Amino acid sequence: MKIEIPEQKKFVYETRIAVRWGDMDAMQHLNNATYFRYMETARIDWFRSIGCQPEKDGEGPIIANAFCNFYRQFEYPDEVLLKMYVSDLRRTTFESWLTMESVSEPGVIRAAGGATTIWVNFAQQKAATLPDHMRAIIGE
């Protein structure tokens, strides 16, 4: 199943990650699991950049699902440009989307993925309303 990134989305963050030799698999291209690590790193870096530091006794984001569409491979050495977007703001959730392109080949998306983020109360282990500061950042 292929999930498409929506046209209506808000750009929120950009970062670069160098492909390491150990990120490759036996076929000498970026291991599929590594794409998810790169997306996770970009999301966490974005959360930190906006002051979203979850505490285990408080509230914060968790990922309910994640996907990645693979279009073209990455190989070592390379640098991946990740661009992050958000959309579909709801009471307790929002969607995050990421595109990945090679710095050496700008504009050519080699992979794209996303995740549904749920704001939770960790002690209660249940969904909580997104705080106003998060709603302001994610909102249109």
C-alpha atoms as a PDB file:
ATOM      1  CA  MET A   1       0.000   0.000   0.000  1.00  0.00           C
ATOM      2  CA  LYS A   2       1.325   3.424  -0.954  1.00  0.00           C
ATOM      3  CA  ILE A   3       0.303   6.449   1.101  1.00  0.00           C
ATOM      4  CA  GLU A   4       0.621   9.813  -0.606  1.00  0.00           C
ATOM      5  CA  ILE A   5       1.705  12.991   1.135  1.00  0.00           C
ATOM      6  CA  PRO A   6      -1.146  15.512   0.948  1.00  0.00           C
ATOM      7  CA  GLU A   7      -0.980  18.770  -0.980  1.00  0.00           C
ATOM      8  CA  GLN A   8      -2.283  20.736   2.038  1.00  0.00           C
ATOM      9  CA  LYS A   9       0.482  20.717   4.635  1.00  0.00           C
ATOM     10  CA  LYS A  10       2.621  23.177   6.589  1.00  0.00           C
ATOM     11  CA  PHE A  11       6.428  23.169   6.337  1.00  0.00           C
ATOM     12  CA  VAL A  12       7.939  23.187   9.851  1.00  0.00           C
ATOM     13  CA  TYR A  13      11.496  21.859   9.817  1.00  0.00           C
ATOM     14  CA  GLU A  14      14.508  20.861   7.736  1.00  0.00           C
ATOM     15  CA  THR A  15      17.655  18.939   8.638  1.00  0.00           C
ATOM     16  CA  ARG A  16      20.495  17.006   7.032  1.00  0.00           C
ATOM     17  CA  ILE A  17      21.812  13.597   8.012  1.00  0.00           C
ATOM     18  CA  ALA A  18      24.993  12.064   6.624  1.00  0.00           C
ATOM     19  CA  VAL A  19      24.672   8.491   5.380  1.00  0.00           C
ATOM     20  CA  ARG A  20      27.120   6.380   7.370  1.00  0.00           C
ATOM     21  CA  TRP A  21      28.855   3.298   5.997  1.00  0.00           C
ATOM     22  CA  GLY A  22      27.103   1.185   8.644  1.00  0.00           C
ATOM     23  CA  ASP A  23      23.666   2.450   7.532  1.00  0.00           C
ATOM     24  CA  MET A  24      23.899   0.356   4.367  1.00  0.00           C
ATOM     25  CA  ASP A  25      22.722  -3.213   3.943  1.00  0.00           C
ATOM     26  CA  ALA A  26      24.215  -6.179   2.085  1.00  0.00           C
ATOM     27  CA  MET A  27      23.042  -4.701  -1.231  1.00  0.00           C
ATOM     28  CA  GLN A  28      25.168  -1.580  -0.565  1.00  0.00           C
ATOM     29  CA  HIS A  29      22.272   0.834  -0.248  1.00  0.00           C
ATOM     30  CA  LEU A  30      20.597   2.469   2.720  1.00  0.00           C
ATOM     31  CA  ASN A  31      18.877  -0.161   4.850  1.00  0.00           C
ATOM     32  CA  ASN A  32      15.071   0.269   4.883  1.00  0.00           C
ATOM     33  CA  ALA A  33      14.954   0.493   8.681  1.00  0.00           C
ATOM     34  CA  THR A  34      17.395   3.402   8.559  1.00  0.00           C
ATOM     35  CA  TYR A  35      14.867   5.559   6.696  1.00  0.00           C
ATOM     36  CA  PHE A  36      12.610   5.256   9.755  1.00  0.00           C
ATOM     37  CA  ARG A  37      15.511   6.206  12.046  1.00  0.00           C
ATOM     38  CA  TYR A  38      16.191   9.278   9.944  1.00  0.00           C
ATOM     39  CA  MET A  39      12.511  10.292  10.084  1.00  0.00           C
ATOM     40  CA  GLU A  40      12.481   9.714  13.843  1.00  0.00           C
ATOM     41  CA  THR A  41      15.605  11.840  14.272  1.00  0.00           C
ATOM     42  CA  ALA A  42      14.057  14.695  12.272  1.00  0.00           C
ATOM     43  CA  ARG A  43      10.809  14.528  14.308  1.00  0.00           C
ATOM     44  CA  ILE A  44      12.652  14.486  17.640  1.00  0.00           C
ATOM     45  CA  ASP A  45      14.940  17.339  16.558  1.00  0.00           C
ATOM     46  CA  TRP A  46      11.861  19.337  15.497  1.00  0.00           C
ATOM     47  CA  PHE A  47      10.111  18.653  18.824  1.00  0.00           C
ATOM     48  CA  ARG A  48      13.230  19.825  20.681  1.00  0.00           C
ATOM     49  CA  SER A  49      13.539  22.932  18.488  1.00  0.00           C
ATOM     50  CA  ILE A  50      10.022  24.026  19.486  1.00  0.00           C
ATOM     51  CA  GLY A  51      10.560  23.310  23.187  1.00  0.00           C
ATOM     52  CA  CYS A  52       8.574  20.087  23.268  1.00  0.00           C
ATOM     53  CA  GLN A  53      10.478  18.014  25.827  1.00  0.00           C
ATOM     54  CA  PRO A  54       8.215  15.186  27.024  1.00  0.00           C
ATOM     55  CA  GLU A  55       8.567  14.053  30.609  1.00  0.00           C
ATOM     56  CA  LYS A  56       7.579  10.540  31.637  1.00  0.00           C
ATOM     57  CA  ASP A  57       5.303  11.883  34.400  1.00  0.00           C
ATOM     58  CA  GLY A  58       3.725  14.548  32.169  1.00  0.00           C
ATOM     59  CA  GLU A  59       2.387  14.763  28.646  1.00  0.00           C
ATOM     60  CA  GLY A  60       3.936  14.530  25.220  1.00  0.00           C
ATOM     61  CA  PRO A  61       3.868  13.000  21.752  1.00  0.00           C
ATOM     62  CA  ILE A  62       3.935   9.356  20.739  1.00  0.00           C
ATOM     63  CA  ILE A  63       3.768   7.842  17.284  1.00  0.00           C
ATOM     64  CA  ALA A  64       0.683   5.740  16.520  1.00  0.00           C
ATOM     65  CA  ASN A  65       1.818   4.553  13.096  1.00  0.00           C
ATOM     66  CA  ALA A  66       4.501   5.272  10.535  1.00  0.00           C
ATOM     67  CA  PHE A  67       5.096   4.555   6.865  1.00  0.00           C
ATOM     68  CA  CYS A  68       7.703   5.132   4.192  1.00  0.00           C
ATOM     69  CA  ASN A  69       7.536   5.016   0.400  1.00  0.00           C
ATOM     70  CA  PHE A  70      10.870   4.185  -1.234  1.00  0.00           C
ATOM     71  CA  TYR A  71      11.451   5.716  -4.688  1.00  0.00           C
ATOM     72  CA  ARG A  72      15.237   5.752  -5.241  1.00  0.00           C
ATOM     73  CA  GLN A  73      18.042   4.402  -3.115  1.00  0.00           C
ATOM     74  CA  PHE A  74      20.670   6.262  -1.131  1.00  0.00           C
ATOM     75  CA  GLU A  75      24.250   5.015  -1.003  1.00  0.00           C
ATOM     76  CA  TYR A  76      27.332   5.894   0.997  1.00  0.00           C
ATOM     77  CA  PRO A  77      28.720   8.534   0.846  1.00  0.00           C
ATOM     78  CA  ASP A  78      25.738  10.872   0.703  1.00  0.00           C
ATOM     79  CA  GLU A  79      23.858  13.407   2.745  1.00  0.00           C
ATOM     80  CA  VAL A  80      20.080  13.216   3.132  1.00  0.00           C
ATOM     81  CA  LEU A  81      18.009  16.399   3.240  1.00  0.00           C
ATOM     82  CA  LEU A  82      14.846  15.797   5.262  1.00  0.00           C
ATOM     83  CA  LYS A  83      11.955  18.253   5.047  1.00  0.00           C
ATOM     84  CA  MET A  84       9.167  17.940   7.609  1.00  0.00           C
ATOM     85  CA  TYR A  85       5.557  19.059   7.287  1.00  0.00           C
ATOM     86  CA  VAL A  86       2.461  18.807   9.498  1.00  0.00           C
ATOM     87  CA  SER A  87      -1.261  18.673   8.748  1.00  0.00           C
ATOM     88  CA  ASP A  88      -4.652  17.390   9.871  1.00  0.00           C
ATOM     89  CA  LEU A  89      -4.688  18.971  13.306  1.00  0.00           C
ATOM     90  CA  ARG A  90      -7.289  17.303  15.529  1.00  0.00           C
ATOM     91  CA  ARG A  91      -8.079  17.459  19.246  1.00  0.00           C
ATOM     92  CA  THR A  92      -5.386  14.938  20.263  1.00  0.00           C
ATOM     93  CA  THR A  93      -3.537  14.148  17.015  1.00  0.00           C
ATOM     94  CA  PHE A  94      -1.799  15.532  13.969  1.00  0.00           C
ATOM     95  CA  GLU A  95      -0.016  14.079  10.962  1.00  0.00           C
ATOM     96  CA  SER A  96       3.676  14.576  10.212  1.00  0.00           C
ATOM     97  CA  TRP A  97       5.171  14.083   6.763  1.00  0.00           C
ATOM     98  CA  LEU A  98       8.796  13.892   5.668  1.00  0.00           C
ATOM     99  CA  THR A  99      10.489  13.948   2.297  1.00  0.00           C
ATOM    100  CA  MET A 100      14.051  12.768   1.744  1.00  0.00           C
ATOM    101  CA  GLU A 101      16.309  13.873  -1.057  1.00  0.00           C
ATOM    102  CA  SER A 102      20.020  13.744  -1.688  1.00  0.00           C
ATOM    103  CA  VAL A 103      21.847  17.015  -1.085  1.00  0.00           C
ATOM    104  CA  SER A 104      23.755  16.234  -4.294  1.00  0.00           C
ATOM    105  CA  GLU A 105      20.499  15.952  -6.276  1.00  0.00           C
ATOM    106  CA  PRO A 106      18.186  18.686  -4.955  1.00  0.00           C
ATOM    107  CA  GLY A 107      14.483  18.449  -5.673  1.00  0.00           C
ATOM    108  CA  VAL A 108      14.447  14.714  -6.405  1.00  0.00           C
ATOM    109  CA  ILE A 109      12.509  12.968  -3.655  1.00  0.00           C
ATOM    110  CA  ARG A 110      14.048   9.562  -3.032  1.00  0.00           C
ATOM    111  CA  ALA A 111      11.729   8.599  -0.180  1.00  0.00           C
ATOM    112  CA  ALA A 112       8.733  10.055   1.622  1.00  0.00           C
ATOM    113  CA  GLY A 113       6.975   9.022   4.772  1.00  0.00           C
ATOM    114  CA  GLY A 114       4.950  10.109   7.705  1.00  0.00           C
ATOM    115  CA  ALA A 115       3.422   9.314  11.040  1.00  0.00           C
ATOM    116  CA  THR A 116       0.345   9.969  13.106  1.00  0.00           C
ATOM    117  CA  THR A 117       1.295  11.696  16.343  1.00  0.00           C
ATOM    118  CA  ILE A 118      -0.937  11.417  19.411  1.00  0.00           C
ATOM    119  CA  TRP A 119      -0.546  13.696  22.416  1.00  0.00           C
ATOM    120  CA  VAL A 120      -0.760  11.555  25.555  1.00  0.00           C
ATOM    121  CA  ASN A 121      -0.777  11.780  29.307  1.00  0.00           C
ATOM    122  CA  PHE A 122       1.964   9.284  30.106  1.00  0.00           C
ATOM    123  CA  ALA A 123       0.845   8.532  33.684  1.00  0.00           C
ATOM    124  CA  GLN A 124      -2.731   7.813  32.575  1.00  0.00           C
ATOM    125  CA  GLN A 125      -1.591   6.167  29.335  1.00  0.00           C
ATOM    126  CA  LYS A 126      -4.342   7.833  27.345  1.00  0.00           C
ATOM    127  CA  ALA A 127      -4.792  10.552  24.767  1.00  0.00           C
ATOM    128  CA  ALA A 128      -4.841  14.160  25.963  1.00  0.00           C
ATOM    129  CA  THR A 129      -5.812  17.395  24.256  1.00  0.00           C
ATOM    130  CA  LEU A 130      -2.936  18.992  22.342  1.00  0.00           C
ATOM    131  CA  PRO A 131      -1.750  22.020  24.312  1.00  0.00           C
ATOM    132  CA  ASP A 132      -2.339  25.478  22.894  1.00  0.00           C
ATOM    133  CA  HIS A 133       1.344  26.086  22.127  1.00  0.00           C
ATOM    134  CA  MET A 134       1.435  22.928  19.979  1.00  0.00           C
ATOM    135  CA  ARG A 135      -1.845  23.822  18.287  1.00  0.00           C
ATOM    136  CA  ALA A 136      -0.427  27.263  17.404  1.00  0.00           C
ATOM    137  CA  ILE A 137       2.681  25.719  15.819  1.00  0.00           C
ATOM    138  CA  ILE A 138       0.830  23.011  13.895  1.00  0.00           C
ATOM    139  CA  GLY A 139      -2.238  25.022  12.925  1.00  0.00           C
ATOM    140  CA  GLU A 140      -2.662  26.561   9.505  1.00  0.00           C
END
